[in-house]
């Protein structure tokens, strides 16, 4: 009799757990949706100056890591190995505190103001998120540059994620923020292919790139694109499909005679930077080299000279120590050959993000 009661209690607990898990899975499914492709984006605070050929301009691309990635931060989804084969894995899913988020975003703002660029292409900008203690980084950085128009493209919108269980990631609304000191004729959100398998689709970003159209004196357009490609993609299948879509858009725009610049976090190693920086770690398993042979004619990668010895991204499977973490160049620009361009990696020593900014100086050729 006593055993029967124990079995009944255990059975009831199993049923309760199944109901909770099933109910949560249903909640995630009901909340899940992909943002439509070709979505028109609002251009806030529009500016009037029109771009000129023969004039030098500048743009900065920077993944700001939702204000969390100071030196003490490691991310729970990142895994790697030390040189001796010891496995390591990040621990945190949220920033250390609201105060740290504010300090990091403040550091991002100060750095960007010091770079004094005409265009800012920012990734992982939280609008409202548990992981960054509801600090509205979109509003913060938009208001910090009142002389620039702003375009925001959401690329991460989730129901409440109870993962990891010790520190749930929570609700996230985040995206790409583009700031421009020059006139825009419009902007559009393009949806990247993503992994829609169960349960990956609930935890991955709704990847996209934002296409901004800027008139150029003489009748052409500068097509300025802000992009953030997938990171956790075993085998690189999704990243290849994303690159194929981006290249298709670049080819179409270039054939129409437009100027094309893409800034962003490619989550591919650019150029020959796979292992050139000092490190006490093995090359992480997610690392893949950007395949420049996929680029259409007239489009090339522009990244900083390697002799600068400034990486743009650090491994996040452990807190940051210079010379210990694996580092490489994942951030830069794709540029059409009717644009003369040079890039410089800006060394912040990863003080505010797991990425360093990259600055492009460019001239639209007549």
Protein backbone atom coordinates (compact mmCIF):
# COMPACT_ATOMS: atom_id res chain seq x y z
CA UNK A 1 0.00 0.00 0.00
CA UNK A 2 2.81 2.34 0.96
CA UNK A 3 4.72 1.49 -2.23
CA UNK A 4 1.61 2.18 -4.29
CA UNK A 5 1.32 5.65 -2.76
CA UNK A 6 4.97 6.39 -3.49
CA UNK A 7 4.53 5.25 -7.09
CA UNK A 8 1.41 7.40 -7.43
CA UNK A 9 3.24 10.44 -6.09
CA UNK A 10 6.19 9.83 -8.41
CA UNK A 11 3.84 9.28 -11.34
CA UNK A 12 2.04 12.51 -10.51
CA UNK A 13 5.32 14.39 -10.40
CA UNK A 14 6.33 12.98 -13.79
CA UNK A 15 2.97 14.00 -15.28
CA UNK A 16 3.31 17.46 -13.73
CA UNK A 17 6.81 17.86 -15.19
CA UNK A 18 5.58 16.76 -18.61
CA UNK A 19 2.71 19.24 -18.41
CA UNK A 20 5.10 22.05 -17.46
CA UNK A 21 7.57 21.20 -20.23
CA UNK A 22 4.79 20.71 -22.77
CA UNK A 23 3.07 23.92 -21.72
CA UNK A 24 6.33 25.84 -22.02
CA UNK A 25 7.02 24.35 -25.46
CA UNK A 26 3.52 25.39 -26.53
CA UNK A 27 4.15 28.89 -25.15
CA UNK A 28 7.37 29.17 -27.17
CA UNK A 29 5.65 27.92 -30.32
CA UNK A 30 2.74 30.35 -29.96
CA UNK A 31 5.16 33.24 -29.40
CA UNK A 32 7.46 32.26 -32.28
CA UNK A 33 7.34 34.18 -35.53
CA UNK A 34 9.74 35.37 -38.19
CA UNK A 35 9.74 39.00 -39.25
CA UNK A 36 8.65 39.25 -42.91
CA UNK A 37 11.27 39.75 -45.62
CA UNK A 38 11.39 43.08 -47.50
CA UNK A 39 10.06 44.96 -44.49
CA UNK A 40 10.18 48.74 -44.90
CA UNK A 41 12.10 50.41 -42.06
CA UNK A 42 11.43 53.84 -40.62
CA UNK A 43 14.09 56.52 -41.06
CA UNK A 44 13.96 58.55 -37.87
CA UNK A 45 15.26 62.12 -37.62
CA UNK A 46 16.01 62.40 -41.39
CA UNK A 47 19.01 64.46 -42.45
CA UNK A 48 19.36 66.69 -45.52
CA UNK A 49 23.01 66.65 -46.75
CA UNK A 50 23.51 64.64 -49.95
CA UNK A 51 26.63 62.58 -50.63
CA UNK A 52 29.11 63.86 -53.21
CA UNK A 53 31.55 61.97 -55.41
CA UNK A 54 35.22 62.69 -54.84
CA UNK A 55 34.69 63.47 -51.14
CA UNK A 56 36.11 61.33 -48.35
CA UNK A 57 33.63 59.96 -45.79
CA UNK A 58 33.93 57.50 -42.92
CA UNK A 59 31.89 54.65 -41.46
CA UNK A 60 32.29 52.51 -38.35
CA UNK A 61 30.98 48.99 -37.82
CA UNK A 62 30.81 47.60 -34.28
CA UNK A 63 29.07 44.71 -32.58
CA UNK A 64 28.53 46.20 -29.11
CA UNK A 65 27.60 42.89 -27.47
CA UNK A 66 24.38 44.20 -25.83
CA UNK A 67 26.46 46.09 -23.26
CA UNK A 68 27.50 42.91 -21.42
CA UNK A 69 30.95 41.95 -22.65
CA UNK A 70 33.45 43.64 -20.39
CA UNK A 71 36.62 41.72 -19.49
CA UNK A 72 34.88 39.67 -16.79
CA UNK A 73 32.10 38.38 -19.04
CA UNK A 74 31.98 34.94 -20.66
CA UNK A 75 28.96 33.66 -22.60
CA UNK A 76 27.29 30.38 -21.70
CA UNK A 77 26.87 29.20 -25.31
CA UNK A 78 30.58 29.57 -26.16
CA UNK A 79 32.84 26.52 -25.88
CA UNK A 80 36.51 26.04 -26.67
CA UNK A 81 39.81 24.43 -25.73
CA UNK A 82 43.04 25.64 -24.24
CA UNK A 83 46.30 24.75 -25.99
CA UNK A 84 46.72 21.63 -23.84
CA UNK A 85 43.22 20.41 -24.75
CA UNK A 86 41.49 21.49 -21.55
CA UNK A 87 37.85 22.29 -22.41
CA UNK A 88 36.43 25.65 -21.37
CA UNK A 89 32.90 27.05 -21.51
CA UNK A 90 31.41 30.45 -20.78
CA UNK A 91 29.14 30.89 -17.79
CA UNK A 92 26.93 33.96 -18.05
CA UNK A 93 23.75 34.66 -20.00
CA UNK A 94 23.21 38.14 -18.58
CA UNK A 95 25.43 41.13 -18.00
CA UNK A 96 27.01 41.38 -14.57
CA UNK A 97 24.68 44.18 -13.48
CA UNK A 98 22.70 47.14 -14.76
CA UNK A 99 25.57 49.38 -13.71
CA UNK A 100 27.98 47.40 -15.88
CA UNK A 101 25.66 47.65 -18.88
CA UNK A 102 25.46 51.42 -18.43
CA UNK A 103 29.22 51.67 -18.08
CA UNK A 104 29.81 49.60 -21.21
CA UNK A 105 27.25 51.46 -23.35
CA UNK A 106 28.71 54.73 -22.06
CA UNK A 107 32.14 53.53 -23.17
CA UNK A 108 30.73 52.64 -26.59
CA UNK A 109 29.20 56.11 -26.89
CA UNK A 110 32.46 57.85 -25.95
CA UNK A 111 34.47 55.70 -28.37
CA UNK A 112 32.10 56.37 -31.25
CA UNK A 113 32.13 60.11 -30.59
CA UNK A 114 35.93 60.02 -30.61
CA UNK A 115 35.92 58.26 -34.00
CA UNK A 116 33.69 61.03 -35.42
CA UNK A 117 32.37 58.93 -38.33
CA UNK A 118 29.67 59.95 -40.80
CA UNK A 119 27.96 56.56 -40.54
CA UNK A 120 27.64 54.12 -37.64
CA UNK A 121 26.64 50.49 -38.22
CA UNK A 122 26.02 48.79 -34.88
CA UNK A 123 24.99 45.21 -34.07
CA UNK A 124 23.58 43.54 -30.92
CA UNK A 125 21.86 46.70 -29.74
CA UNK A 126 19.25 45.82 -27.12
CA UNK A 127 16.01 47.74 -27.04
CA UNK A 128 14.37 45.84 -24.20
CA UNK A 129 15.96 42.73 -22.75
CA UNK A 130 16.28 40.80 -19.53
CA UNK A 131 19.94 40.08 -20.30
CA UNK A 132 20.83 43.79 -20.23
CA UNK A 133 18.53 44.82 -17.36
CA UNK A 134 16.11 46.69 -19.63
CA UNK A 135 18.68 49.34 -20.60
CA UNK A 136 17.33 50.76 -23.87
CA UNK A 137 20.53 50.92 -25.90
CA UNK A 138 18.70 51.84 -29.09
CA UNK A 139 17.29 54.97 -27.49
CA UNK A 140 20.56 55.75 -25.69
CA UNK A 141 22.74 55.70 -28.81
CA UNK A 142 20.14 57.35 -31.05
CA UNK A 143 19.83 60.27 -28.64
CA UNK A 144 23.62 60.45 -28.26
CA UNK A 145 23.88 61.41 -31.96
CA UNK A 146 21.11 63.97 -32.58
CA UNK A 147 22.77 65.08 -35.83
CA UNK A 148 22.22 61.66 -37.41
CA UNK A 149 19.19 59.83 -38.77
CA UNK A 150 18.50 56.41 -37.30
CA UNK A 151 17.29 53.11 -38.78
CA UNK A 152 16.62 50.12 -36.53
CA UNK A 153 16.12 46.56 -37.75
CA UNK A 154 15.04 43.98 -35.15
CA UNK A 155 16.91 40.69 -35.46
CA UNK A 156 16.23 39.05 -32.07
CA UNK A 157 12.76 38.86 -30.51
CA UNK A 158 12.00 36.06 -28.11
CA UNK A 159 9.51 34.79 -25.61
CA UNK A 160 10.93 34.33 -22.10
CA UNK A 161 13.80 31.84 -22.42
CA UNK A 162 14.26 29.69 -19.29
CA UNK A 163 17.73 28.78 -20.51
CA UNK A 164 20.16 28.29 -18.92
CA UNK A 165 18.11 27.29 -15.88
CA UNK A 166 20.58 28.82 -13.40
CA UNK A 167 20.34 32.24 -15.09
CA UNK A 168 17.57 32.41 -17.72
CA UNK A 169 18.30 34.57 -20.75
CA UNK A 170 14.76 35.92 -20.48
CA UNK A 171 12.98 38.17 -22.99
CA UNK A 172 15.06 39.83 -25.70
CA UNK A 173 14.29 42.53 -28.24
CA UNK A 174 17.47 43.53 -30.05
CA UNK A 175 18.67 44.55 -33.47
CA UNK A 176 20.87 46.48 -35.87
CA UNK A 177 21.15 50.26 -35.48
CA UNK A 178 22.37 52.39 -38.37
CA UNK A 179 23.09 56.09 -37.83
CA UNK A 180 23.71 58.43 -40.77
CA UNK A 181 24.66 62.07 -41.09
CA UNK A 182 23.37 62.13 -44.69
CA UNK A 183 20.03 61.93 -46.44
CA UNK A 184 18.34 58.56 -46.93
CA UNK A 185 15.74 57.74 -49.56
CA UNK A 186 14.54 54.72 -47.59
CA UNK A 187 15.52 51.54 -45.79
CA UNK A 188 14.52 47.89 -45.94
CA UNK A 189 14.98 44.84 -43.73
CA UNK A 190 16.05 41.66 -45.53
CA UNK A 191 15.64 38.32 -43.75
CA UNK A 192 18.57 35.92 -43.75
CA UNK A 193 17.97 32.16 -43.91
CA UNK A 194 18.13 30.69 -40.39
CA UNK A 195 18.01 27.28 -38.76
CA UNK A 196 14.32 26.58 -38.14
CA UNK A 197 14.74 23.13 -36.60
CA UNK A 198 13.28 22.34 -33.18
CA UNK A 199 14.30 23.64 -30.64
CA UNK A 200 17.10 25.73 -32.23
CA UNK A 201 14.66 28.18 -33.81
CA UNK A 202 13.51 29.37 -30.39
CA UNK A 203 17.00 30.32 -29.21
CA UNK A 204 18.66 31.67 -32.37
CA UNK A 205 18.39 35.19 -33.72
CA UNK A 206 15.97 36.23 -36.47
CA UNK A 207 19.00 37.12 -38.59
CA UNK A 208 18.77 39.93 -41.09
CA UNK A 209 20.58 42.76 -42.83
CA UNK A 210 19.38 46.34 -43.15
CA UNK A 211 19.62 48.03 -46.55
CA UNK A 212 19.81 51.84 -46.48
CA UNK A 213 19.59 53.87 -49.70
CA UNK A 214 21.39 57.20 -49.79
CA UNK A 215 21.17 59.54 -52.78
CA UNK A 216 24.45 60.65 -54.36
CA UNK A 217 24.77 63.92 -56.26
CA UNK A 218 24.59 62.96 -59.94
CA UNK A 219 21.78 60.42 -59.68
CA UNK A 220 23.34 57.25 -58.30
CA UNK A 221 22.77 55.72 -54.86
CA UNK A 222 25.00 54.48 -52.08
CA UNK A 223 23.53 51.19 -50.86
CA UNK A 224 24.76 51.01 -47.27
CA UNK A 225 24.12 47.65 -45.57
CA UNK A 226 24.33 46.73 -41.89
CA UNK A 227 24.72 42.95 -41.44
CA UNK A 228 25.08 40.35 -38.69
CA UNK A 229 25.49 36.72 -39.76
CA UNK A 230 24.99 33.52 -37.76
CA UNK A 231 27.60 32.35 -35.26
CA UNK A 232 26.47 28.96 -33.89
CA UNK A 233 26.25 27.05 -37.15
CA UNK A 234 27.95 23.68 -37.20
CA UNK A 235 29.31 22.99 -40.64
CA UNK A 236 28.64 26.54 -41.81
CA UNK A 237 25.60 25.55 -43.92
CA UNK A 238 23.39 28.41 -42.73
CA UNK A 239 26.19 30.97 -42.99
CA UNK A 240 26.84 29.91 -46.59
CA UNK A 241 23.15 30.37 -47.46
CA UNK A 242 23.20 33.79 -45.80
CA UNK A 243 26.27 34.82 -47.78
CA UNK A 244 24.65 33.64 -51.00
CA UNK A 245 21.62 35.88 -50.37
CA UNK A 246 23.79 38.87 -49.48
CA UNK A 247 25.92 38.37 -52.61
CA UNK A 248 22.77 38.22 -54.75
CA UNK A 249 21.69 41.62 -53.43
CA UNK A 250 25.18 43.08 -53.90
CA UNK A 251 25.36 41.87 -57.49
CA UNK A 252 21.95 43.35 -58.35
CA UNK A 253 22.83 46.73 -56.88
CA UNK A 254 26.28 46.86 -58.47
CA UNK A 255 24.86 45.99 -61.90
CA UNK A 256 22.51 48.95 -61.56
CA UNK A 257 25.55 51.18 -61.20
CA UNK A 258 25.13 51.90 -57.49
CA UNK A 259 27.86 52.22 -54.91
CA UNK A 260 27.79 49.37 -52.37
CA UNK A 261 29.20 49.16 -48.83
CA UNK A 262 28.41 46.40 -46.32
CA UNK A 263 29.59 46.73 -42.74
CA UNK A 264 29.05 44.16 -40.06
CA UNK A 265 29.93 41.12 -38.01
CA UNK A 266 30.37 38.29 -40.53
CA UNK A 267 31.18 35.58 -37.98
CA UNK A 268 33.75 34.43 -40.54
CA UNK A 269 37.48 35.05 -40.27
CA UNK A 270 38.43 37.72 -42.81
CA UNK A 271 41.67 37.41 -44.77
CA UNK A 272 44.65 35.54 -43.32
CA UNK A 273 43.93 36.28 -39.64
CA UNK A 274 43.02 32.73 -38.60
CA UNK A 275 45.88 32.33 -36.15
CA UNK A 276 48.12 35.38 -36.35
CA UNK A 277 47.39 36.82 -32.90
CA UNK A 278 49.03 35.52 -29.68
CA UNK A 279 46.76 33.09 -27.81
CA UNK A 280 46.81 30.23 -25.32
CA UNK A 281 43.76 28.62 -26.92
CA UNK A 282 43.12 26.36 -29.87
CA UNK A 283 41.17 27.76 -32.82
CA UNK A 284 37.50 27.46 -31.71
CA UNK A 285 35.39 24.83 -33.52
CA UNK A 286 32.93 27.45 -34.82
CA UNK A 287 35.60 29.40 -36.71
CA UNK A 288 35.39 29.38 -40.50
CA UNK A 289 37.22 31.51 -43.04
CA UNK A 290 35.25 33.89 -45.23
CA UNK A 291 35.10 32.48 -48.77
CA UNK A 292 35.96 35.47 -50.95
CA UNK A 293 35.44 33.38 -54.11
CA UNK A 294 31.68 33.63 -53.47
CA UNK A 295 31.68 37.40 -53.90
CA UNK A 296 30.30 38.73 -57.19
CA UNK A 297 32.52 40.54 -59.65
CA UNK A 298 33.29 44.07 -58.54
CA UNK A 299 32.89 43.36 -54.80
CA UNK A 300 35.80 42.77 -52.42
CA UNK A 301 36.55 42.50 -48.70
CA UNK A 302 38.15 45.53 -47.07
CA UNK A 303 39.76 44.93 -43.70
CA UNK A 304 42.70 46.43 -41.81
CA UNK A 305 46.30 45.55 -42.61
CA UNK A 306 47.42 42.64 -40.46
CA UNK A 307 50.60 44.42 -39.34
CA UNK A 308 48.41 46.53 -37.09
CA UNK A 309 48.04 43.45 -34.86
CA UNK A 310 44.56 44.54 -33.77
CA UNK A 311 41.91 41.78 -33.79
CA UNK A 312 38.21 42.62 -33.91
CA UNK A 313 36.76 39.72 -31.91
CA UNK A 314 37.75 37.64 -28.87
CA UNK A 315 36.66 34.21 -27.71
CA UNK A 316 33.95 34.33 -25.04
CA UNK A 317 34.35 30.87 -23.54
CA UNK A 318 36.33 32.46 -20.70
CA UNK A 319 36.84 36.00 -19.35
CA UNK A 320 39.23 38.17 -21.34
CA UNK A 321 42.96 38.28 -20.72
CA UNK A 322 45.10 39.71 -23.49
CA UNK A 323 47.28 37.02 -25.05
CA UNK A 324 45.19 34.20 -23.55
CA UNK A 325 41.86 34.33 -25.43
CA UNK A 326 41.70 33.38 -29.08
CA UNK A 327 41.26 36.50 -31.22
CA UNK A 328 40.75 37.12 -34.92
CA UNK A 329 39.21 39.52 -37.44
CA UNK A 330 35.49 38.86 -37.99
CA UNK A 331 34.37 42.45 -38.63
CA UNK A 332 34.96 44.62 -41.66
CA UNK A 333 33.44 45.78 -44.92
CA UNK A 334 32.46 44.56 -48.37
CA UNK A 335 32.94 47.34 -50.92
CA UNK A 336 32.22 47.74 -54.63
CA UNK A 337 35.10 48.73 -56.89
CA UNK A 338 33.57 52.14 -57.65
CA UNK A 339 34.41 53.01 -54.03
CA UNK A 340 37.98 53.74 -52.94
CA UNK A 341 38.30 52.51 -49.37
CA UNK A 342 40.70 51.80 -46.52
CA UNK A 343 39.91 50.18 -43.15
CA UNK A 344 41.49 50.55 -39.72
CA UNK A 345 40.79 48.33 -36.70
CA UNK A 346 40.30 50.41 -33.56
CA UNK A 347 41.93 48.94 -30.44
CA UNK A 348 39.68 49.25 -27.37
CA UNK A 349 41.29 46.11 -25.86
CA UNK A 350 37.72 44.72 -25.71
CA UNK A 351 36.90 47.01 -22.80
CA UNK A 352 33.19 47.38 -23.62
CA UNK A 353 32.39 44.49 -25.98
CA UNK A 354 33.77 41.22 -27.28
CA UNK A 355 34.36 43.10 -30.54
CA UNK A 356 36.55 46.03 -31.52
CA UNK A 357 35.18 48.67 -33.91
CA UNK A 358 36.43 48.95 -37.48
CA UNK A 359 36.60 52.32 -39.22
CA UNK A 360 36.36 52.69 -43.00
CA UNK A 361 37.44 55.80 -44.87
CA UNK A 362 35.96 55.84 -48.35
CA UNK A 363 35.48 57.95 -51.46
CA UNK A 364 32.73 57.49 -54.05
CA UNK A 365 34.47 57.57 -57.43
CA UNK A 366 32.92 59.74 -60.21
